[in-house]
Amino acid sequence: MIIAFNTAVSGMLAAEAQFNAAAKNVVEKSAQGDNVIQASVAVKKAEATHSAAAAMVQVTSEMTDTLLDITV
């Protein structure tokens, strides 16, 4: 269970870094008057990745709680 939890948390951290880079890219492209569609898509993609990893953290937590309930 620890490996799954660590992997999910690592995924969340990676998604946060992707989000920050994509958001910075949106601001820079907007300031330059460039097309921001690809940068905006990258922001949404990072959000979806973060949500999926957060769901994995929740499932891992629920599985651990269930396992502890069974063994106690």
PDB file of N, CA and C in Angstrom:
ATOM      1  N   MET A   1       0.810  -1.194   0.000  1.00  0.00           N
ATOM      2  CA  MET A   1       0.000   0.000   0.000  1.00  0.00           C
ATOM      3  C   MET A   1       0.862   1.270   0.000  1.00  0.00           C
ATOM      4  N   ILE A   2       1.991   1.210   0.674  1.00  0.00           N
ATOM      5  CA  ILE A   2       2.857   2.386   0.768  1.00  0.00           C
ATOM      6  C   ILE A   2       3.369   2.774  -0.614  1.00  0.00           C
ATOM      7  N   ILE A   3       3.699   1.781  -1.436  1.00  0.00           N
ATOM      8  CA  ILE A   3       4.221   2.071  -2.768  1.00  0.00           C
ATOM      9  C   ILE A   3       3.158   2.783  -3.606  1.00  0.00           C
ATOM     10  N   ALA A   4       1.919   2.304  -3.528  1.00  0.00           N
ATOM     11  CA  ALA A   4       0.833   2.931  -4.287  1.00  0.00           C
ATOM     12  C   ALA A   4       0.605   4.361  -3.809  1.00  0.00           C
ATOM     13  N   PHE A   5       0.640   4.563  -2.512  1.00  0.00           N
ATOM     14  CA  PHE A   5       0.454   5.907  -1.959  1.00  0.00           C
ATOM     15  C   PHE A   5       1.571   6.837  -2.410  1.00  0.00           C
ATOM     16  N   ASN A   6       2.811   6.371  -2.311  1.00  0.00           N
ATOM     17  CA  ASN A   6       3.954   7.198  -2.720  1.00  0.00           C
ATOM     18  C   ASN A   6       3.902   7.526  -4.202  1.00  0.00           C
ATOM     19  N   THR A   7       3.509   6.555  -5.011  1.00  0.00           N
ATOM     20  CA  THR A   7       3.393   6.789  -6.448  1.00  0.00           C
ATOM     21  C   THR A   7       2.331   7.833  -6.744  1.00  0.00           C
ATOM     22  N   ALA A   8       1.191   7.736  -6.069  1.00  0.00           N
ATOM     23  CA  ALA A   8       0.116   8.703  -6.284  1.00  0.00           C
ATOM     24  C   ALA A   8       0.532  10.106  -5.849  1.00  0.00           C
ATOM     25  N   VAL A   9       1.198  10.204  -4.721  1.00  0.00           N
ATOM     26  CA  VAL A   9       1.664  11.514  -4.251  1.00  0.00           C
ATOM     27  C   VAL A   9       2.705  12.083  -5.206  1.00  0.00           C
ATOM     28  N   SER A  10       3.580  11.239  -5.710  1.00  0.00           N
ATOM     29  CA  SER A  10       4.563  11.700  -6.695  1.00  0.00           C
ATOM     30  C   SER A  10       3.872  12.208  -7.955  1.00  0.00           C
ATOM     31  N   GLY A  11       2.804  11.515  -8.352  1.00  0.00           N
ATOM     32  CA  GLY A  11       2.022  11.957  -9.501  1.00  0.00           C
ATOM     33  C   GLY A  11       1.386  13.307  -9.272  1.00  0.00           C
ATOM     34  N   MET A  12       0.893  13.532  -8.053  1.00  0.00           N
ATOM     35  CA  MET A  12       0.301  14.828  -7.721  1.00  0.00           C
ATOM     36  C   MET A  12       1.353  15.938  -7.787  1.00  0.00           C
ATOM     37  N   LEU A  13       2.521  15.662  -7.256  1.00  0.00           N
ATOM     38  CA  LEU A  13       3.590  16.670  -7.274  1.00  0.00           C
ATOM     39  C   LEU A  13       4.043  16.977  -8.702  1.00  0.00           C
ATOM     40  N   ALA A  14       4.135  15.944  -9.523  1.00  0.00           N
ATOM     41  CA  ALA A  14       4.515  16.153 -10.925  1.00  0.00           C
ATOM     42  C   ALA A  14       3.450  16.963 -11.657  1.00  0.00           C
ATOM     43  N   ALA A  15       2.182  16.676 -11.374  1.00  0.00           N
ATOM     44  CA  ALA A  15       1.090  17.419 -12.007  1.00  0.00           C
ATOM     45  C   ALA A  15       1.102  18.883 -11.577  1.00  0.00           C
ATOM     46  N   GLU A  16       1.440  19.134 -10.325  1.00  0.00           N
ATOM     47  CA  GLU A  16       1.535  20.514  -9.850  1.00  0.00           C
ATOM     48  C   GLU A  16       2.641  21.259 -10.586  1.00  0.00           C
ATOM     49  N   ALA A  17       3.767  20.595 -10.796  1.00  0.00           N
ATOM     50  CA  ALA A  17       4.871  21.226 -11.523  1.00  0.00           C
ATOM     51  C   ALA A  17       4.470  21.499 -12.972  1.00  0.00           C
ATOM     52  N   GLN A  18       3.769  20.540 -13.589  1.00  0.00           N
ATOM     53  CA  GLN A  18       3.293  20.733 -14.960  1.00  0.00           C
ATOM     54  C   GLN A  18       2.301  21.891 -15.022  1.00  0.00           C
ATOM     55  N   PHE A  19       1.428  21.969 -14.024  1.00  0.00           N
ATOM     56  CA  PHE A  19       0.442  23.045 -13.982  1.00  0.00           C
ATOM     57  C   PHE A  19       1.127  24.399 -13.882  1.00  0.00           C
ATOM     58  N   ASN A  20       2.105  24.491 -12.996  1.00  0.00           N
ATOM     59  CA  ASN A  20       2.816  25.760 -12.829  1.00  0.00           C
ATOM     60  C   ASN A  20       3.497  26.198 -14.120  1.00  0.00           C
ATOM     61  N   ALA A  21       4.152  25.252 -14.789  1.00  0.00           N
ATOM     62  CA  ALA A  21       4.828  25.581 -16.042  1.00  0.00           C
ATOM     63  C   ALA A  21       3.822  25.982 -17.122  1.00  0.00           C
ATOM     64  N   ALA A  22       2.706  25.264 -17.179  1.00  0.00           N
ATOM     65  CA  ALA A  22       1.688  25.570 -18.189  1.00  0.00           C
ATOM     66  C   ALA A  22       1.021  26.921 -17.914  1.00  0.00           C
ATOM     67  N   ALA A  23       0.748  27.202 -16.658  1.00  0.00           N
ATOM     68  CA  ALA A  23       0.131  28.487 -16.313  1.00  0.00           C
ATOM     69  C   ALA A  23       1.076  29.644 -16.641  1.00  0.00           C
ATOM     70  N   LYS A  24       2.351  29.460 -16.365  1.00  0.00           N
ATOM     71  CA  LYS A  24       3.347  30.481 -16.713  1.00  0.00           C
ATOM     72  C   LYS A  24       3.376  30.697 -18.218  1.00  0.00           C
ATOM     73  N   ASN A  25       3.282  29.597 -18.967  1.00  0.00           N
ATOM     74  CA  ASN A  25       3.280  29.660 -20.415  1.00  0.00           C
ATOM     75  C   ASN A  25       2.061  30.413 -20.936  1.00  0.00           C
ATOM     76  N   VAL A  26       0.898  30.207 -20.292  1.00  0.00           N
ATOM     77  CA  VAL A  26      -0.314  30.931 -20.690  1.00  0.00           C
ATOM     78  C   VAL A  26      -0.110  32.430 -20.519  1.00  0.00           C
ATOM     79  N   VAL A  27       0.431  32.814 -19.383  1.00  0.00           N
ATOM     80  CA  VAL A  27       0.641  34.235 -19.102  1.00  0.00           C
ATOM     81  C   VAL A  27       1.638  34.844 -20.093  1.00  0.00           C
ATOM     82  N   GLU A  28       2.726  34.133 -20.346  1.00  0.00           N
ATOM     83  CA  GLU A  28       3.739  34.652 -21.261  1.00  0.00           C
ATOM     84  C   GLU A  28       3.194  34.790 -22.680  1.00  0.00           C
ATOM     85  N   LYS A  29       2.480  33.777 -23.145  1.00  0.00           N
ATOM     86  CA  LYS A  29       1.925  33.835 -24.504  1.00  0.00           C
ATOM     87  C   LYS A  29       0.849  34.909 -24.613  1.00  0.00           C
ATOM     88  N   SER A  30       0.067  35.069 -23.571  1.00  0.00           N
ATOM     89  CA  SER A  30      -0.967  36.096 -23.567  1.00  0.00           C
ATOM     90  C   SER A  30      -0.350  37.491 -23.612  1.00  0.00           C
ATOM     91  N   ALA A  31       0.717  37.681 -22.861  1.00  0.00           N
ATOM     92  CA  ALA A  31       1.390  38.976 -22.846  1.00  0.00           C
ATOM     93  C   ALA A  31       2.016  39.295 -24.201  1.00  0.00           C
ATOM     94  N   GLN A  32       2.439  38.267 -24.912  1.00  0.00           N
ATOM     95  CA  GLN A  32       3.046  38.459 -26.228  1.00  0.00           C
ATOM     96  C   GLN A  32       1.995  38.570 -27.332  1.00  0.00           C
ATOM     97  N   GLY A  33       0.748  38.277 -26.994  1.00  0.00           N
ATOM     98  CA  GLY A  33      -0.315  38.315 -27.988  1.00  0.00           C
ATOM     99  C   GLY A  33      -0.378  37.060 -28.836  1.00  0.00           C
ATOM    100  N   ASP A  34       0.266  36.001 -28.386  1.00  0.00           N
ATOM    101  CA  ASP A  34       0.274  34.739 -29.118  1.00  0.00           C
ATOM    102  C   ASP A  34      -0.974  33.918 -28.787  1.00  0.00           C
ATOM    103  N   ASN A  35      -1.124  32.825 -29.513  1.00  0.00           N
ATOM    104  CA  ASN A  35      -2.227  31.901 -29.296  1.00  0.00           C
ATOM    105  C   ASN A  35      -2.000  31.127 -27.986  1.00  0.00           C
ATOM    106  N   VAL A  36      -2.989  31.119 -27.123  1.00  0.00           N
ATOM    107  CA  VAL A  36      -2.846  30.464 -25.823  1.00  0.00           C
ATOM    108  C   VAL A  36      -3.596  29.132 -25.740  1.00  0.00           C
ATOM    109  N   ILE A  37      -4.082  28.648 -26.864  1.00  0.00           N
ATOM    110  CA  ILE A  37      -4.898  27.426 -26.836  1.00  0.00           C
ATOM    111  C   ILE A  37      -4.088  26.231 -26.338  1.00  0.00           C
ATOM    112  N   GLN A  38      -2.921  25.996 -26.904  1.00  0.00           N
ATOM    113  CA  GLN A  38      -2.106  24.849 -26.492  1.00  0.00           C
ATOM    114  C   GLN A  38      -1.695  24.963 -25.021  1.00  0.00           C
ATOM    115  N   ALA A  39      -1.374  26.161 -24.599  1.00  0.00           N
ATOM    116  CA  ALA A  39      -0.986  26.361 -23.198  1.00  0.00           C
ATOM    117  C   ALA A  39      -2.172  26.114 -22.277  1.00  0.00           C
ATOM    118  N   SER A  40      -3.355  26.529 -22.703  1.00  0.00           N
ATOM    119  CA  SER A  40      -4.558  26.297 -21.900  1.00  0.00           C
ATOM    120  C   SER A  40      -4.896  24.813 -21.818  1.00  0.00           C
ATOM    121  N   VAL A  41      -4.691  24.112 -22.916  1.00  0.00           N
ATOM    122  CA  VAL A  41      -4.912  22.656 -22.922  1.00  0.00           C
ATOM    123  C   VAL A  41      -3.940  21.987 -21.959  1.00  0.00           C
ATOM    124  N   ALA A  42      -2.713  22.447 -21.905  1.00  0.00           N
ATOM    125  CA  ALA A  42      -1.723  21.886 -20.983  1.00  0.00           C
ATOM    126  C   ALA A  42      -2.143  22.116 -19.535  1.00  0.00           C
ATOM    127  N   VAL A  43      -2.751  23.258 -19.250  1.00  0.00           N
ATOM    128  CA  VAL A  43      -3.246  23.538 -17.898  1.00  0.00           C
ATOM    129  C   VAL A  43      -4.344  22.540 -17.533  1.00  0.00           C
ATOM    130  N   LYS A  44      -5.298  22.335 -18.439  1.00  0.00           N
ATOM    131  CA  LYS A  44      -6.396  21.403 -18.172  1.00  0.00           C
ATOM    132  C   LYS A  44      -5.886  19.968 -18.036  1.00  0.00           C
ATOM    133  N   LYS A  45      -4.881  19.620 -18.829  1.00  0.00           N
ATOM    134  CA  LYS A  45      -4.297  18.289 -18.754  1.00  0.00           C
ATOM    135  C   LYS A  45      -3.636  18.066 -17.394  1.00  0.00           C
ATOM    136  N   ALA A  46      -2.935  19.069 -16.908  1.00  0.00           N
ATOM    137  CA  ALA A  46      -2.303  18.976 -15.591  1.00  0.00           C
ATOM    138  C   ALA A  46      -3.350  18.865 -14.489  1.00  0.00           C
ATOM    139  N   GLU A  47      -4.452  19.584 -14.630  1.00  0.00           N
ATOM    140  CA  GLU A  47      -5.540  19.485 -13.653  1.00  0.00           C
ATOM    141  C   GLU A  47      -6.114  18.076 -13.617  1.00  0.00           C
ATOM    142  N   ALA A  48      -6.339  17.497 -14.789  1.00  0.00           N
ATOM    143  CA  ALA A  48      -6.892  16.143 -14.863  1.00  0.00           C
ATOM    144  C   ALA A  48      -5.927  15.118 -14.266  1.00  0.00           C
ATOM    145  N   THR A  49      -4.645  15.298 -14.536  1.00  0.00           N
ATOM    146  CA  THR A  49      -3.634  14.395 -13.983  1.00  0.00           C
ATOM    147  C   THR A  49      -3.615  14.486 -12.465  1.00  0.00           C
ATOM    148  N   HIS A  50      -3.695  15.690 -11.945  1.00  0.00           N
ATOM    149  CA  HIS A  50      -3.696  15.883 -10.498  1.00  0.00           C
ATOM    150  C   HIS A  50      -4.934  15.253  -9.871  1.00  0.00           C
ATOM    151  N   SER A  51      -6.080  15.418 -10.508  1.00  0.00           N
ATOM    152  CA  SER A  51      -7.320  14.828  -9.987  1.00  0.00           C
ATOM    153  C   SER A  51      -7.245  13.304  -9.966  1.00  0.00           C
ATOM    154  N   ALA A  52      -6.679  12.725 -11.011  1.00  0.00           N
ATOM    155  CA  ALA A  52      -6.543  11.273 -11.060  1.00  0.00           C
ATOM    156  C   ALA A  52      -5.609  10.764  -9.961  1.00  0.00           C
ATOM    157  N   ALA A  53      -4.514  11.451  -9.754  1.00  0.00           N
ATOM    158  CA  ALA A  53      -3.577  11.054  -8.699  1.00  0.00           C
ATOM    159  C   ALA A  53      -4.203  11.231  -7.316  1.00  0.00           C
ATOM    160  N   ALA A  54      -4.975  12.289  -7.136  1.00  0.00           N
ATOM    161  CA  ALA A  54      -5.654  12.498  -5.851  1.00  0.00           C
ATOM    162  C   ALA A  54      -6.679  11.392  -5.591  1.00  0.00           C
ATOM    163  N   ALA A  55      -7.360  10.959  -6.639  1.00  0.00           N
ATOM    164  CA  ALA A  55      -8.305   9.851  -6.492  1.00  0.00           C
ATOM    165  C   ALA A  55      -7.563   8.580  -6.086  1.00  0.00           C
ATOM    166  N   MET A  56      -6.388   8.385  -6.632  1.00  0.00           N
ATOM    167  CA  MET A  56      -5.580   7.220  -6.273  1.00  0.00           C
ATOM    168  C   MET A  56      -5.163   7.278  -4.808  1.00  0.00           C
ATOM    169  N   VAL A  57      -4.825   8.457  -4.319  1.00  0.00           N
ATOM    170  CA  VAL A  57      -4.490   8.616  -2.896  1.00  0.00           C
ATOM    171  C   VAL A  57      -5.694   8.237  -2.040  1.00  0.00           C
ATOM    172  N   GLN A  58      -6.863   8.689  -2.431  1.00  0.00           N
ATOM    173  CA  GLN A  58      -8.073   8.388  -1.660  1.00  0.00           C
ATOM    174  C   GLN A  58      -8.367   6.891  -1.661  1.00  0.00           C
ATOM    175  N   VAL A  59      -8.260   6.248  -2.813  1.00  0.00           N
ATOM    176  CA  VAL A  59      -8.519   4.806  -2.896  1.00  0.00           C
ATOM    177  C   VAL A  59      -7.506   4.033  -2.063  1.00  0.00           C
ATOM    178  N   THR A  60      -6.251   4.433  -2.127  1.00  0.00           N
ATOM    179  CA  THR A  60      -5.219   3.767  -1.339  1.00  0.00           C
ATOM    180  C   THR A  60      -5.495   3.922   0.151  1.00  0.00           C
ATOM    181  N   SER A  61      -5.932   5.098   0.559  1.00  0.00           N
ATOM    182  CA  SER A  61      -6.268   5.326   1.958  1.00  0.00           C
ATOM    183  C   SER A  61      -7.444   4.448   2.390  1.00  0.00           C
ATOM    184  N   GLU A  62      -8.463   4.357   1.544  1.00  0.00           N
ATOM    185  CA  GLU A  62      -9.617   3.522   1.862  1.00  0.00           C
ATOM    186  C   GLU A  62      -9.228   2.045   1.936  1.00  0.00           C
ATOM    187  N   MET A  63      -8.356   1.614   1.031  1.00  0.00           N
ATOM    188  CA  MET A  63      -7.905   0.218   1.058  1.00  0.00           C
ATOM    189  C   MET A  63      -7.125  -0.073   2.339  1.00  0.00           C
ATOM    190  N   THR A  64      -6.288   0.851   2.751  1.00  0.00           N
ATOM    191  CA  THR A  64      -5.525   0.674   3.985  1.00  0.00           C
ATOM    192  C   THR A  64      -6.464   0.610   5.182  1.00  0.00           C
ATOM    193  N   ASP A  65      -7.458   1.491   5.221  1.00  0.00           N
ATOM    194  CA  ASP A  65      -8.431   1.477   6.326  1.00  0.00           C
ATOM    195  C   ASP A  65      -9.186   0.158   6.370  1.00  0.00           C
ATOM    196  N   THR A  66      -9.574  -0.334   5.222  1.00  0.00           N
ATOM    197  CA  THR A  66     -10.292  -1.612   5.161  1.00  0.00           C
ATOM    198  C   THR A  66      -9.408  -2.754   5.648  1.00  0.00           C
ATOM    199  N   LEU A  67      -8.158  -2.758   5.212  1.00  0.00           N
ATOM    200  CA  LEU A  67      -7.233  -3.801   5.639  1.00  0.00           C
ATOM    201  C   LEU A  67      -7.020  -3.753   7.142  1.00  0.00           C
ATOM    202  N   LEU A  68      -6.901  -2.562   7.710  1.00  0.00           N
ATOM    203  CA  LEU A  68      -6.733  -2.424   9.137  1.00  0.00           C
ATOM    204  C   LEU A  68      -7.977  -2.882   9.899  1.00  0.00           C
ATOM    205  N   ASP A  69      -9.164  -2.620   9.344  1.00  0.00           N
ATOM    206  CA  ASP A  69     -10.400  -3.064   9.971  1.00  0.00           C
ATOM    207  C   ASP A  69     -10.488  -4.589   9.988  1.00  0.00           C
ATOM    208  N   ILE A  70      -9.994  -5.216   8.931  1.00  0.00           N
ATOM    209  CA  ILE A  70     -10.043  -6.681   8.843  1.00  0.00           C
ATOM    210  C   ILE A  70      -9.082  -7.313   9.848  1.00  0.00           C
ATOM    211  N   THR A  71      -7.910  -6.739   9.985  1.00  0.00           N
ATOM    212  CA  THR A  71      -6.893  -7.348  10.835  1.00  0.00           C
ATOM    213  C   THR A  71      -7.066  -7.015  12.318  1.00  0.00           C
ATOM    214  N   VAL A  72      -7.852  -6.008  12.621  1.00  0.00           N
ATOM    215  CA  VAL A  72      -8.011  -5.613  14.029  1.00  0.00           C
ATOM    216  C   VAL A  72      -9.176  -6.286  14.655  1.00  0.00           C
TER     217      VAL A  72
END
